[in-house]
Amino acid sequence: MANKNKSTLTPAVLHILLALSNGDKHGYGIMKQVESDSNGKVKMGPGTLYGSINRMIEAGLIIESDKKIDSNLDDERRIYYKISGEGKKALEAELDRYREVVSVAKKINIFPEKIAYES
């Protein structure tokens, strides 16, 4: 997962943090946001989602939110999650790491379509 060193986040954790970075969401809302953010390339099933959520809560990256969007329209059994301060720091560090990687790729003029693969 992530610690205070320069550990990387798993793809699932990264996508969940991105989904929660613009507001509290319940599990199904997170799944739909991840799918939307990735243009349908990432589809997170319930096992991956809730396993990741439990580990992220234990790691202090997210917390349960007491906020409900609209109690008249929402199922009161839904649990909403929000990104914690530690989660924001982890997300920022991961995005910085990605920026560094992209910067190196640009610097040496490597792009996926230019990489020659040997068979």
PDB file of N, CA and C in Angstrom:
ATOM      1  N   MET A   1       0.851  -1.178   0.000  1.00  0.00           N
ATOM      2  CA  MET A   1       0.000   0.000   0.000  1.00  0.00           C
ATOM      3  C   MET A   1       0.888   1.230   0.000  1.00  0.00           C
ATOM      4  N   ALA A   2       0.878   1.983   1.046  1.00  0.00           N
ATOM      5  CA  ALA A   2       1.701   3.179   1.108  1.00  0.00           C
ATOM      6  C   ALA A   2       2.166   3.367   2.540  1.00  0.00           C
ATOM      7  N   ASN A   3       3.364   3.877   2.676  1.00  0.00           N
ATOM      8  CA  ASN A   3       3.793   4.306   3.992  1.00  0.00           C
ATOM      9  C   ASN A   3       4.425   5.672   3.855  1.00  0.00           C
ATOM     10  N   LYS A   4       5.052   6.141   4.910  1.00  0.00           N
ATOM     11  CA  LYS A   4       5.564   7.507   4.861  1.00  0.00           C
ATOM     12  C   LYS A   4       6.841   7.619   4.034  1.00  0.00           C
ATOM     13  N   ASN A   5       7.383   6.488   3.590  1.00  0.00           N
ATOM     14  CA  ASN A   5       8.525   6.533   2.687  1.00  0.00           C
ATOM     15  C   ASN A   5       8.004   6.745   1.280  1.00  0.00           C
ATOM     16  N   LYS A   6       8.780   6.369   0.305  1.00  0.00           N
ATOM     17  CA  LYS A   6       8.356   6.601  -1.079  1.00  0.00           C
ATOM     18  C   LYS A   6       7.739   5.350  -1.690  1.00  0.00           C
ATOM     19  N   SER A   7       6.893   4.646  -0.938  1.00  0.00           N
ATOM     20  CA  SER A   7       6.213   3.471  -1.466  1.00  0.00           C
ATOM     21  C   SER A   7       5.203   3.897  -2.520  1.00  0.00           C
ATOM     22  N   THR A   8       4.988   3.009  -3.454  1.00  0.00           N
ATOM     23  CA  THR A   8       3.986   3.289  -4.481  1.00  0.00           C
ATOM     24  C   THR A   8       2.643   2.713  -4.041  1.00  0.00           C
ATOM     25  N   LEU A   9       1.605   3.268  -4.596  1.00  0.00           N
ATOM     26  CA  LEU A   9       0.257   2.786  -4.322  1.00  0.00           C
ATOM     27  C   LEU A   9      -0.105   1.718  -5.344  1.00  0.00           C
ATOM     28  N   THR A  10      -0.930   0.775  -4.939  1.00  0.00           N
ATOM     29  CA  THR A  10      -1.426  -0.201  -5.905  1.00  0.00           C
ATOM     30  C   THR A  10      -2.366   0.540  -6.863  1.00  0.00           C
ATOM     31  N   PRO A  11      -2.568   0.011  -8.062  1.00  0.00           N
ATOM     32  CA  PRO A  11      -3.502   0.675  -8.986  1.00  0.00           C
ATOM     33  C   PRO A  11      -4.888   0.870  -8.386  1.00  0.00           C
ATOM     34  N   ALA A  12      -5.398  -0.128  -7.666  1.00  0.00           N
ATOM     35  CA  ALA A  12      -6.731  -0.001  -7.072  1.00  0.00           C
ATOM     36  C   ALA A  12      -6.768   1.139  -6.061  1.00  0.00           C
ATOM     37  N   VAL A  13      -5.767   1.211  -5.206  1.00  0.00           N
ATOM     38  CA  VAL A  13      -5.716   2.273  -4.190  1.00  0.00           C
ATOM     39  C   VAL A  13      -5.603   3.634  -4.856  1.00  0.00           C
ATOM     40  N   LEU A  14      -4.771   3.746  -5.873  1.00  0.00           N
ATOM     41  CA  LEU A  14      -4.630   5.009  -6.595  1.00  0.00           C
ATOM     42  C   LEU A  14      -5.969   5.446  -7.173  1.00  0.00           C
ATOM     43  N   HIS A  15      -6.670   4.542  -7.824  1.00  0.00           N
ATOM     44  CA  HIS A  15      -7.961   4.889  -8.424  1.00  0.00           C
ATOM     45  C   HIS A  15      -9.006   5.267  -7.372  1.00  0.00           C
ATOM     46  N   ILE A  16      -8.992   4.579  -6.246  1.00  0.00           N
ATOM     47  CA  ILE A  16      -9.952   4.905  -5.183  1.00  0.00           C
ATOM     48  C   ILE A  16      -9.648   6.290  -4.617  1.00  0.00           C
ATOM     49  N   LEU A  17      -8.379   6.585  -4.375  1.00  0.00           N
ATOM     50  CA  LEU A  17      -8.023   7.913  -3.863  1.00  0.00           C
ATOM     51  C   LEU A  17      -8.397   9.002  -4.863  1.00  0.00           C
ATOM     52  N   LEU A  18      -8.156   8.752  -6.137  1.00  0.00           N
ATOM     53  CA  LEU A  18      -8.556   9.732  -7.155  1.00  0.00           C
ATOM     54  C   LEU A  18     -10.070   9.939  -7.139  1.00  0.00           C
ATOM     55  N   ALA A  19     -10.817   8.854  -7.026  1.00  0.00           N
ATOM     56  CA  ALA A  19     -12.278   8.949  -7.018  1.00  0.00           C
ATOM     57  C   ALA A  19     -12.773   9.739  -5.811  1.00  0.00           C
ATOM     58  N   LEU A  20     -12.102   9.589  -4.676  1.00  0.00           N
ATOM     59  CA  LEU A  20     -12.529  10.287  -3.460  1.00  0.00           C
ATOM     60  C   LEU A  20     -11.960  11.695  -3.348  1.00  0.00           C
ATOM     61  N   SER A  21     -11.037  12.053  -4.228  1.00  0.00           N
ATOM     62  CA  SER A  21     -10.398  13.364  -4.123  1.00  0.00           C
ATOM     63  C   SER A  21     -11.349  14.519  -4.409  1.00  0.00           C
ATOM     64  N   ASN A  22     -12.478  14.240  -5.059  1.00  0.00           N
ATOM     65  CA  ASN A  22     -13.428  15.327  -5.339  1.00  0.00           C
ATOM     66  C   ASN A  22     -14.725  15.169  -4.552  1.00  0.00           C
ATOM     67  N   GLY A  23     -14.690  14.390  -3.465  1.00  0.00           N
ATOM     68  CA  GLY A  23     -15.856  14.303  -2.605  1.00  0.00           C
ATOM     69  C   GLY A  23     -16.125  12.905  -2.078  1.00  0.00           C
ATOM     70  N   ASP A  24     -16.912  12.858  -1.012  1.00  0.00           N
ATOM     71  CA  ASP A  24     -17.271  11.588  -0.372  1.00  0.00           C
ATOM     72  C   ASP A  24     -18.127  10.748  -1.313  1.00  0.00           C
ATOM     73  N   LYS A  25     -17.917   9.431  -1.251  1.00  0.00           N
ATOM     74  CA  LYS A  25     -18.689   8.513  -2.097  1.00  0.00           C
ATOM     75  C   LYS A  25     -18.907   7.208  -1.354  1.00  0.00           C
ATOM     76  N   HIS A  26     -19.957   6.518  -1.710  1.00  0.00           N
ATOM     77  CA  HIS A  26     -20.179   5.162  -1.205  1.00  0.00           C
ATOM     78  C   HIS A  26     -19.521   4.203  -2.196  1.00  0.00           C
ATOM     79  N   GLY A  27     -19.477   2.915  -1.833  1.00  0.00           N
ATOM     80  CA  GLY A  27     -18.762   1.931  -2.646  1.00  0.00           C
ATOM     81  C   GLY A  27     -19.158   1.911  -4.106  1.00  0.00           C
ATOM     82  N   TYR A  28     -20.469   1.837  -4.371  1.00  0.00           N
ATOM     83  CA  TYR A  28     -20.918   1.801  -5.766  1.00  0.00           C
ATOM     84  C   TYR A  28     -20.530   3.090  -6.493  1.00  0.00           C
ATOM     85  N   GLY A  29     -20.612   4.210  -5.796  1.00  0.00           N
ATOM     86  CA  GLY A  29     -20.212   5.490  -6.390  1.00  0.00           C
ATOM     87  C   GLY A  29     -18.731   5.510  -6.740  1.00  0.00           C
ATOM     88  N   ILE A  30     -17.915   4.901  -5.891  1.00  0.00           N
ATOM     89  CA  ILE A  30     -16.475   4.809  -6.170  1.00  0.00           C
ATOM     90  C   ILE A  30     -16.253   3.958  -7.414  1.00  0.00           C
ATOM     91  N   MET A  31     -16.926   2.799  -7.480  1.00  0.00           N
ATOM     92  CA  MET A  31     -16.771   1.912  -8.648  1.00  0.00           C
ATOM     93  C   MET A  31     -17.125   2.650  -9.939  1.00  0.00           C
ATOM     94  N   LYS A  32     -18.235   3.372  -9.930  1.00  0.00           N
ATOM     95  CA  LYS A  32     -18.673   4.091 -11.133  1.00  0.00           C
ATOM     96  C   LYS A  32     -17.715   5.235 -11.465  1.00  0.00           C
ATOM     97  N   GLN A  33     -17.185   5.929 -10.450  1.00  0.00           N
ATOM     98  CA  GLN A  33     -16.240   7.025 -10.689  1.00  0.00           C
ATOM     99  C   GLN A  33     -14.940   6.501 -11.295  1.00  0.00           C
ATOM    100  N   VAL A  34     -14.449   5.365 -10.771  1.00  0.00           N
ATOM    101  CA  VAL A  34     -13.222   4.764 -11.308  1.00  0.00           C
ATOM    102  C   VAL A  34     -13.431   4.372 -12.768  1.00  0.00           C
ATOM    103  N   GLU A  35     -14.556   3.757 -13.045  1.00  0.00           N
ATOM    104  CA  GLU A  35     -14.850   3.363 -14.429  1.00  0.00           C
ATOM    105  C   GLU A  35     -14.922   4.588 -15.340  1.00  0.00           C
ATOM    106  N   SER A  36     -15.571   5.641 -14.869  1.00  0.00           N
ATOM    107  CA  SER A  36     -15.692   6.875 -15.649  1.00  0.00           C
ATOM    108  C   SER A  36     -14.334   7.551 -15.842  1.00  0.00           C
ATOM    109  N   ASP A  37     -13.572   7.675 -14.746  1.00  0.00           N
ATOM    110  CA  ASP A  37     -12.257   8.325 -14.814  1.00  0.00           C
ATOM    111  C   ASP A  37     -11.315   7.616 -15.776  1.00  0.00           C
ATOM    112  N   SER A  38     -11.451   6.301 -15.878  1.00  0.00           N
ATOM    113  CA  SER A  38     -10.546   5.516 -16.722  1.00  0.00           C
ATOM    114  C   SER A  38     -11.131   5.251 -18.108  1.00  0.00           C
ATOM    115  N   ASN A  39     -12.211   5.943 -18.442  1.00  0.00           N
ATOM    116  CA  ASN A  39     -12.887   5.726 -19.732  1.00  0.00           C
ATOM    117  C   ASN A  39     -13.230   4.257 -19.956  1.00  0.00           C
ATOM    118  N   GLY A  40     -13.658   3.590 -18.881  1.00  0.00           N
ATOM    119  CA  GLY A  40     -14.083   2.198 -18.978  1.00  0.00           C
ATOM    120  C   GLY A  40     -12.964   1.176 -18.971  1.00  0.00           C
ATOM    121  N   LYS A  41     -11.718   1.609 -18.871  1.00  0.00           N
ATOM    122  CA  LYS A  41     -10.589   0.667 -18.902  1.00  0.00           C
ATOM    123  C   LYS A  41     -10.375  -0.046 -17.578  1.00  0.00           C
ATOM    124  N   VAL A  42     -10.814   0.572 -16.487  1.00  0.00           N
ATOM    125  CA  VAL A  42     -10.677  -0.048 -15.170  1.00  0.00           C
ATOM    126  C   VAL A  42     -12.063  -0.277 -14.599  1.00  0.00           C
ATOM    127  N   LYS A  43     -12.373  -1.542 -14.367  1.00  0.00           N
ATOM    128  CA  LYS A  43     -13.637  -1.912 -13.742  1.00  0.00           C
ATOM    129  C   LYS A  43     -13.285  -2.670 -12.473  1.00  0.00           C
ATOM    130  N   MET A  44     -13.677  -2.101 -11.373  1.00  0.00           N
ATOM    131  CA  MET A  44     -13.325  -2.654 -10.081  1.00  0.00           C
ATOM    132  C   MET A  44     -14.508  -3.435  -9.532  1.00  0.00           C
ATOM    133  N   GLY A  45     -14.303  -4.704  -9.265  1.00  0.00           N
ATOM    134  CA  GLY A  45     -15.360  -5.507  -8.681  1.00  0.00           C
ATOM    135  C   GLY A  45     -15.462  -5.279  -7.181  1.00  0.00           C
ATOM    136  N   PRO A  46     -16.535  -5.775  -6.576  1.00  0.00           N
ATOM    137  CA  PRO A  46     -16.742  -5.569  -5.137  1.00  0.00           C
ATOM    138  C   PRO A  46     -15.617  -6.138  -4.263  1.00  0.00           C
ATOM    139  N   GLY A  47     -15.071  -7.287  -4.621  1.00  0.00           N
ATOM    140  CA  GLY A  47     -13.996  -7.888  -3.826  1.00  0.00           C
ATOM    141  C   GLY A  47     -12.766  -7.004  -3.778  1.00  0.00           C
ATOM    142  N   THR A  48     -12.344  -6.525  -4.945  1.00  0.00           N
ATOM    143  CA  THR A  48     -11.181  -5.636  -5.019  1.00  0.00           C
ATOM    144  C   THR A  48     -11.479  -4.327  -4.301  1.00  0.00           C
ATOM    145  N   LEU A  49     -12.651  -3.770  -4.567  1.00  0.00           N
ATOM    146  CA  LEU A  49     -13.006  -2.484  -3.977  1.00  0.00           C
ATOM    147  C   LEU A  49     -13.031  -2.551  -2.455  1.00  0.00           C
ATOM    148  N   TYR A  50     -13.824  -3.468  -1.910  1.00  0.00           N
ATOM    149  CA  TYR A  50     -13.987  -3.481  -0.455  1.00  0.00           C
ATOM    150  C   TYR A  50     -12.764  -4.029   0.269  1.00  0.00           C
ATOM    151  N   GLY A  51     -12.012  -4.922  -0.366  1.00  0.00           N
ATOM    152  CA  GLY A  51     -10.734  -5.359   0.210  1.00  0.00           C
ATOM    153  C   GLY A  51      -9.771  -4.189   0.302  1.00  0.00           C
ATOM    154  N   SER A  52      -9.709  -3.397  -0.773  1.00  0.00           N
ATOM    155  CA  SER A  52      -8.836  -2.217  -0.793  1.00  0.00           C
ATOM    156  C   SER A  52      -9.310  -1.183   0.222  1.00  0.00           C
ATOM    157  N   ILE A  53     -10.620  -0.950   0.273  1.00  0.00           N
ATOM    158  CA  ILE A  53     -11.163   0.024   1.224  1.00  0.00           C
ATOM    159  C   ILE A  53     -10.791  -0.362   2.653  1.00  0.00           C
ATOM    160  N   ASN A  54     -10.951  -1.640   3.008  1.00  0.00           N
ATOM    161  CA  ASN A  54     -10.604  -2.069   4.369  1.00  0.00           C
ATOM    162  C   ASN A  54      -9.130  -1.839   4.679  1.00  0.00           C
ATOM    163  N   ARG A  55      -8.258  -2.180   3.735  1.00  0.00           N
ATOM    164  CA  ARG A  55      -6.820  -1.963   3.943  1.00  0.00           C
ATOM    165  C   ARG A  55      -6.497  -0.470   4.012  1.00  0.00           C
ATOM    166  N   MET A  56      -7.203   0.335   3.207  1.00  0.00           N
ATOM    167  CA  MET A  56      -6.962   1.783   3.200  1.00  0.00           C
ATOM    168  C   MET A  56      -7.413   2.426   4.511  1.00  0.00           C
ATOM    169  N   ILE A  57      -8.497   1.935   5.081  1.00  0.00           N
ATOM    170  CA  ILE A  57      -8.953   2.438   6.389  1.00  0.00           C
ATOM    171  C   ILE A  57      -7.909   2.083   7.450  1.00  0.00           C
ATOM    172  N   GLU A  58      -7.431   0.832   7.424  1.00  0.00           N
ATOM    173  CA  GLU A  58      -6.404   0.396   8.381  1.00  0.00           C
ATOM    174  C   GLU A  58      -5.134   1.236   8.247  1.00  0.00           C
ATOM    175  N   ALA A  59      -4.787   1.619   7.026  1.00  0.00           N
ATOM    176  CA  ALA A  59      -3.581   2.407   6.778  1.00  0.00           C
ATOM    177  C   ALA A  59      -3.802   3.905   7.017  1.00  0.00           C
ATOM    178  N   GLY A  60      -5.046   4.296   7.275  1.00  0.00           N
ATOM    179  CA  GLY A  60      -5.327   5.702   7.538  1.00  0.00           C
ATOM    180  C   GLY A  60      -5.440   6.571   6.302  1.00  0.00           C
ATOM    181  N   LEU A  61      -5.605   5.941   5.122  1.00  0.00           N
ATOM    182  CA  LEU A  61      -5.695   6.714   3.878  1.00  0.00           C
ATOM    183  C   LEU A  61      -7.098   7.257   3.634  1.00  0.00           C
ATOM    184  N   ILE A  62      -8.103   6.535   4.119  1.00  0.00           N
ATOM    185  CA  ILE A  62      -9.483   6.992   4.007  1.00  0.00           C
ATOM    186  C   ILE A  62     -10.182   6.721   5.335  1.00  0.00           C
ATOM    187  N   ILE A  63     -11.315   7.390   5.531  1.00  0.00           N
ATOM    188  CA  ILE A  63     -12.124   7.180   6.726  1.00  0.00           C
ATOM    189  C   ILE A  63     -13.587   7.122   6.309  1.00  0.00           C
ATOM    190  N   GLU A  64     -14.396   6.541   7.179  1.00  0.00           N
ATOM    191  CA  GLU A  64     -15.832   6.562   6.925  1.00  0.00           C
ATOM    192  C   GLU A  64     -16.326   7.977   7.163  1.00  0.00           C
ATOM    193  N   SER A  65     -17.213   8.411   6.308  1.00  0.00           N
ATOM    194  CA  SER A  65     -17.781   9.750   6.407  1.00  0.00           C
ATOM    195  C   SER A  65     -19.135   9.657   7.096  1.00  0.00           C
ATOM    196  N   ASP A  66     -19.451  10.653   7.887  1.00  0.00           N
ATOM    197  CA  ASP A  66     -20.781  10.683   8.495  1.00  0.00           C
ATOM    198  C   ASP A  66     -21.764  11.425   7.606  1.00  0.00           C
ATOM    199  N   LYS A  67     -21.269  11.911   6.501  1.00  0.00           N
ATOM    200  CA  LYS A  67     -22.069  12.700   5.569  1.00  0.00           C
ATOM    201  C   LYS A  67     -22.936  11.791   4.697  1.00  0.00           C
ATOM    202  N   LYS A  68     -24.152  12.169   4.504  1.00  0.00           N
ATOM    203  CA  LYS A  68     -25.057  11.503   3.561  1.00  0.00           C
ATOM    204  C   LYS A  68     -25.452  12.552   2.529  1.00  0.00           C
ATOM    205  N   ILE A  69     -25.477  12.161   1.284  1.00  0.00           N
ATOM    206  CA  ILE A  69     -25.792  13.104   0.212  1.00  0.00           C
ATOM    207  C   ILE A  69     -27.230  13.608   0.348  1.00  0.00           C
ATOM    208  N   ASP A  70     -28.191  12.719   0.417  1.00  0.00           N
ATOM    209  CA  ASP A  70     -29.589  13.088   0.604  1.00  0.00           C
ATOM    210  C   ASP A  70     -30.275  11.902   1.269  1.00  0.00           C
ATOM    211  N   SER A  71     -30.539  12.031   2.556  1.00  0.00           N
ATOM    212  CA  SER A  71     -31.084  10.894   3.299  1.00  0.00           C
ATOM    213  C   SER A  71     -32.446  10.447   2.773  1.00  0.00           C
ATOM    214  N   ASN A  72     -33.173  11.329   2.084  1.00  0.00           N
ATOM    215  CA  ASN A  72     -34.463  10.941   1.506  1.00  0.00           C
ATOM    216  C   ASN A  72     -34.292  10.067   0.264  1.00  0.00           C
ATOM    217  N   LEU A  73     -33.211  10.290  -0.473  1.00  0.00           N
ATOM    218  CA  LEU A  73     -32.991   9.564  -1.714  1.00  0.00           C
ATOM    219  C   LEU A  73     -32.022   8.401  -1.557  1.00  0.00           C
ATOM    220  N   ASP A  74     -31.272   8.390  -0.470  1.00  0.00           N
ATOM    221  CA  ASP A  74     -30.190   7.435  -0.317  1.00  0.00           C
ATOM    222  C   ASP A  74     -30.577   6.289   0.609  1.00  0.00           C
ATOM    223  N   ASP A  75     -30.010   5.144   0.347  1.00  0.00           N
ATOM    224  CA  ASP A  75     -30.182   3.969   1.205  1.00  0.00           C
ATOM    225  C   ASP A  75     -29.361   4.210   2.473  1.00  0.00           C
ATOM    226  N   GLU A  76     -29.998   4.215   3.628  1.00  0.00           N
ATOM    227  CA  GLU A  76     -29.274   4.546   4.854  1.00  0.00           C
ATOM    228  C   GLU A  76     -28.231   3.502   5.241  1.00  0.00           C
ATOM    229  N   ARG A  77     -28.235   2.352   4.587  1.00  0.00           N
ATOM    230  CA  ARG A  77     -27.204   1.340   4.862  1.00  0.00           C
ATOM    231  C   ARG A  77     -25.893   1.659   4.158  1.00  0.00           C
ATOM    232  N   ARG A  78     -25.926   2.545   3.185  1.00  0.00           N
ATOM    233  CA  ARG A  78     -24.700   2.866   2.453  1.00  0.00           C
ATOM    234  C   ARG A  78     -23.708   3.585   3.352  1.00  0.00           C
ATOM    235  N   ILE A  79     -22.475   3.147   3.244  1.00  0.00           N
ATOM    236  CA  ILE A  79     -21.393   3.796   3.984  1.00  0.00           C
ATOM    237  C   ILE A  79     -20.621   4.667   3.002  1.00  0.00           C
ATOM    238  N   TYR A  80     -20.460   5.905   3.362  1.00  0.00           N
ATOM    239  CA  TYR A  80     -19.688   6.839   2.542  1.00  0.00           C
ATOM    240  C   TYR A  80     -18.267   6.901   3.082  1.00  0.00           C
ATOM    241  N   TYR A  81     -17.327   7.107   2.173  1.00  0.00           N
ATOM    242  CA  TYR A  81     -15.917   7.176   2.529  1.00  0.00           C
ATOM    243  C   TYR A  81     -15.367   8.511   2.064  1.00  0.00           C
ATOM    244  N   LYS A  82     -14.347   8.981   2.778  1.00  0.00           N
ATOM    245  CA  LYS A  82     -13.670  10.199   2.349  1.00  0.00           C
ATOM    246  C   LYS A  82     -12.170  10.034   2.529  1.00  0.00           C
ATOM    247  N   ILE A  83     -11.456  10.763   1.732  1.00  0.00           N
ATOM    248  CA  ILE A  83      -9.996  10.715   1.776  1.00  0.00           C
ATOM    249  C   ILE A  83      -9.535  11.448   3.039  1.00  0.00           C
ATOM    250  N   SER A  84      -8.537  10.900   3.713  1.00  0.00           N
ATOM    251  CA  SER A  84      -7.991  11.520   4.923  1.00  0.00           C
ATOM    252  C   SER A  84      -6.816  12.422   4.540  1.00  0.00           C
ATOM    253  N   GLY A  85      -6.300  13.140   5.510  1.00  0.00           N
ATOM    254  CA  GLY A  85      -5.101  13.950   5.270  1.00  0.00           C
ATOM    255  C   GLY A  85      -3.940  13.093   4.810  1.00  0.00           C
ATOM    256  N   GLU A  86      -3.787  11.927   5.439  1.00  0.00           N
ATOM    257  CA  GLU A  86      -2.714  10.997   5.051  1.00  0.00           C
ATOM    258  C   GLU A  86      -2.948  10.480   3.632  1.00  0.00           C
ATOM    259  N   GLY A  87      -4.206  10.252   3.277  1.00  0.00           N
ATOM    260  CA  GLY A  87      -4.543   9.815   1.928  1.00  0.00           C
ATOM    261  C   GLY A  87      -4.203  10.872   0.895  1.00  0.00           C
ATOM    262  N   LYS A  88      -4.476  12.137   1.225  1.00  0.00           N
ATOM    263  CA  LYS A  88      -4.136  13.241   0.318  1.00  0.00           C
ATOM    264  C   LYS A  88      -2.633  13.319   0.105  1.00  0.00           C
ATOM    265  N   LYS A  89      -1.872  13.138   1.186  1.00  0.00           N
ATOM    266  CA  LYS A  89      -0.405  13.163   1.079  1.00  0.00           C
ATOM    267  C   LYS A  89       0.090  12.006   0.208  1.00  0.00           C
ATOM    268  N   ALA A  90      -0.487  10.820   0.411  1.00  0.00           N
ATOM    269  CA  ALA A  90      -0.078   9.650  -0.375  1.00  0.00           C
ATOM    270  C   ALA A  90      -0.414   9.844  -1.850  1.00  0.00           C
ATOM    271  N   LEU A  91      -1.594  10.391  -2.129  1.00  0.00           N
ATOM    272  CA  LEU A  91      -2.001  10.645  -3.512  1.00  0.00           C
ATOM    273  C   LEU A  91      -1.079  11.672  -4.155  1.00  0.00           C
ATOM    274  N   GLU A  92      -0.784  12.734  -3.440  1.00  0.00           N
ATOM    275  CA  GLU A  92       0.118  13.768  -3.965  1.00  0.00           C
ATOM    276  C   GLU A  92       1.503  13.193  -4.258  1.00  0.00           C
ATOM    277  N   ALA A  93       2.020  12.374  -3.343  1.00  0.00           N
ATOM    278  CA  ALA A  93       3.339  11.765  -3.549  1.00  0.00           C
ATOM    279  C   ALA A  93       3.331  10.842  -4.765  1.00  0.00           C
ATOM    280  N   GLU A  94       2.247  10.090  -4.932  1.00  0.00           N
ATOM    281  CA  GLU A  94       2.164   9.171  -6.073  1.00  0.00           C
ATOM    282  C   GLU A  94       2.079   9.945  -7.389  1.00  0.00           C
ATOM    283  N   LEU A  95       1.286  11.006  -7.401  1.00  0.00           N
ATOM    284  CA  LEU A  95       1.172  11.811  -8.622  1.00  0.00           C
ATOM    285  C   LEU A  95       2.491  12.507  -8.941  1.00  0.00           C
ATOM    286  N   ASP A  96       3.231  12.937  -7.911  1.00  0.00           N
ATOM    287  CA  ASP A  96       4.570  13.502  -8.133  1.00  0.00           C
ATOM    288  C   ASP A  96       5.492  12.467  -8.756  1.00  0.00           C
ATOM    289  N   ARG A  97       5.407  11.222  -8.256  1.00  0.00           N
ATOM    290  CA  ARG A  97       6.228  10.140  -8.809  1.00  0.00           C
ATOM    291  C   ARG A  97       5.899   9.910 -10.279  1.00  0.00           C
ATOM    292  N   TYR A  98       4.610   9.928 -10.626  1.00  0.00           N
ATOM    293  CA  TYR A  98       4.200   9.768 -12.021  1.00  0.00           C
ATOM    294  C   TYR A  98       4.723  10.927 -12.876  1.00  0.00           C
ATOM    295  N   ARG A  99       4.639  12.144 -12.341  1.00  0.00           N
ATOM    296  CA  ARG A  99       5.147  13.309 -13.093  1.00  0.00           C
ATOM    297  C   ARG A  99       6.641  13.163 -13.376  1.00  0.00           C
ATOM    298  N   GLU A 100       7.385  12.659 -12.384  1.00  0.00           N
ATOM    299  CA  GLU A 100       8.824  12.454 -12.572  1.00  0.00           C
ATOM    300  C   GLU A 100       9.095  11.434 -13.670  1.00  0.00           C
ATOM    301  N   VAL A 101       8.337  10.362 -13.683  1.00  0.00           N
ATOM    302  CA  VAL A 101       8.510   9.318 -14.702  1.00  0.00           C
ATOM    303  C   VAL A 101       8.202   9.888 -16.089  1.00  0.00           C
ATOM    304  N   VAL A 102       7.120  10.631 -16.216  1.00  0.00           N
ATOM    305  CA  VAL A 102       6.757  11.230 -17.500  1.00  0.00           C
ATOM    306  C   VAL A 102       7.820  12.235 -17.925  1.00  0.00           C
ATOM    307  N   SER A 103       8.347  12.994 -16.975  1.00  0.00           N
ATOM    308  CA  SER A 103       9.395  13.967 -17.280  1.00  0.00           C
ATOM    309  C   SER A 103      10.637  13.283 -17.847  1.00  0.00           C
ATOM    310  N   VAL A 104      11.023  12.167 -17.249  1.00  0.00           N
ATOM    311  CA  VAL A 104      12.183  11.409 -17.747  1.00  0.00           C
ATOM    312  C   VAL A 104      11.895  10.895 -19.150  1.00  0.00           C
ATOM    313  N   ALA A 105      10.704  10.361 -19.362  1.00  0.00           N
ATOM    314  CA  ALA A 105      10.348   9.836 -20.686  1.00  0.00           C
ATOM    315  C   ALA A 105      10.399  10.938 -21.738  1.00  0.00           C
ATOM    316  N   LYS A 106       9.914  12.115 -21.388  1.00  0.00           N
ATOM    317  CA  LYS A 106       9.964  13.250 -22.335  1.00  0.00           C
ATOM    318  C   LYS A 106      11.404  13.679 -22.577  1.00  0.00           C
ATOM    319  N   LYS A 107      12.190  13.706 -21.507  1.00  0.00           N
ATOM    320  CA  LYS A 107      13.585  14.153 -21.593  1.00  0.00           C
ATOM    321  C   LYS A 107      14.395  13.274 -22.540  1.00  0.00           C
ATOM    322  N   ILE A 108      14.167  11.969 -22.474  1.00  0.00           N
ATOM    323  CA  ILE A 108      14.926  11.068 -23.345  1.00  0.00           C
ATOM    324  C   ILE A 108      14.150  10.732 -24.620  1.00  0.00           C
ATOM    325  N   ASN A 109      13.039  11.442 -24.791  1.00  0.00           N
ATOM    326  CA  ASN A 109      12.242  11.346 -26.014  1.00  0.00           C
ATOM    327  C   ASN A 109      11.742   9.929 -26.282  1.00  0.00           C
ATOM    328  N   ILE A 110      11.241   9.303 -25.217  1.00  0.00           N
ATOM    329  CA  ILE A 110      10.670   7.958 -25.351  1.00  0.00           C
ATOM    330  C   ILE A 110       9.168   8.055 -25.154  1.00  0.00           C
ATOM    331  N   PHE A 111       8.462   7.512 -26.079  1.00  0.00           N
ATOM    332  CA  PHE A 111       7.018   7.429 -25.995  1.00  0.00           C
ATOM    333  C   PHE A 111       6.642   6.019 -26.410  1.00  0.00           C
ATOM    334  N   PRO A 112       5.555   5.469 -25.911  1.00  0.00           N
ATOM    335  CA  PRO A 112       5.222   4.068 -26.206  1.00  0.00           C
ATOM    336  C   PRO A 112       5.269   3.691 -27.682  1.00  0.00           C
ATOM    337  N   GLU A 113       4.796   4.577 -28.543  1.00  0.00           N
ATOM    338  CA  GLU A 113       4.807   4.226 -29.968  1.00  0.00           C
ATOM    339  C   GLU A 113       6.214   4.224 -30.567  1.00  0.00           C
ATOM    340  N   LYS A 114       7.203   4.776 -29.861  1.00  0.00           N
ATOM    341  CA  LYS A 114       8.558   4.812 -30.377  1.00  0.00           C
ATOM    342  C   LYS A 114       9.434   3.703 -29.811  1.00  0.00           C
ATOM    343  N   ILE A 115       8.928   2.956 -28.839  1.00  0.00           N
ATOM    344  CA  ILE A 115       9.717   1.896 -28.235  1.00  0.00           C
ATOM    345  C   ILE A 115       9.678   0.672 -29.152  1.00  0.00           C
ATOM    346  N   ALA A 116      10.854   0.171 -29.489  1.00  0.00           N
ATOM    347  CA  ALA A 116      10.943  -1.016 -30.335  1.00  0.00           C
ATOM    348  C   ALA A 116      10.983  -2.246 -29.442  1.00  0.00           C
ATOM    349  N   TYR A 117      10.097  -3.170 -29.683  1.00  0.00           N
ATOM    350  CA  TYR A 117      10.058  -4.403 -28.913  1.00  0.00           C
ATOM    351  C   TYR A 117      10.680  -5.509 -29.747  1.00  0.00           C
ATOM    352  N   GLU A 118      11.597  -6.228 -29.123  1.00  0.00           N
ATOM    353  CA  GLU A 118      12.220  -7.353 -29.810  1.00  0.00           C
ATOM    354  C   GLU A 118      11.453  -8.617 -29.488  1.00  0.00           C
ATOM    355  N   SER A 119      11.337  -9.483 -30.487  1.00  0.00           N
ATOM    356  CA  SER A 119      10.633 -10.742 -30.225  1.00  0.00           C
ATOM    357  C   SER A 119      11.603 -11.878 -30.092  1.00  0.00           C
TER     358      SER A 119
END
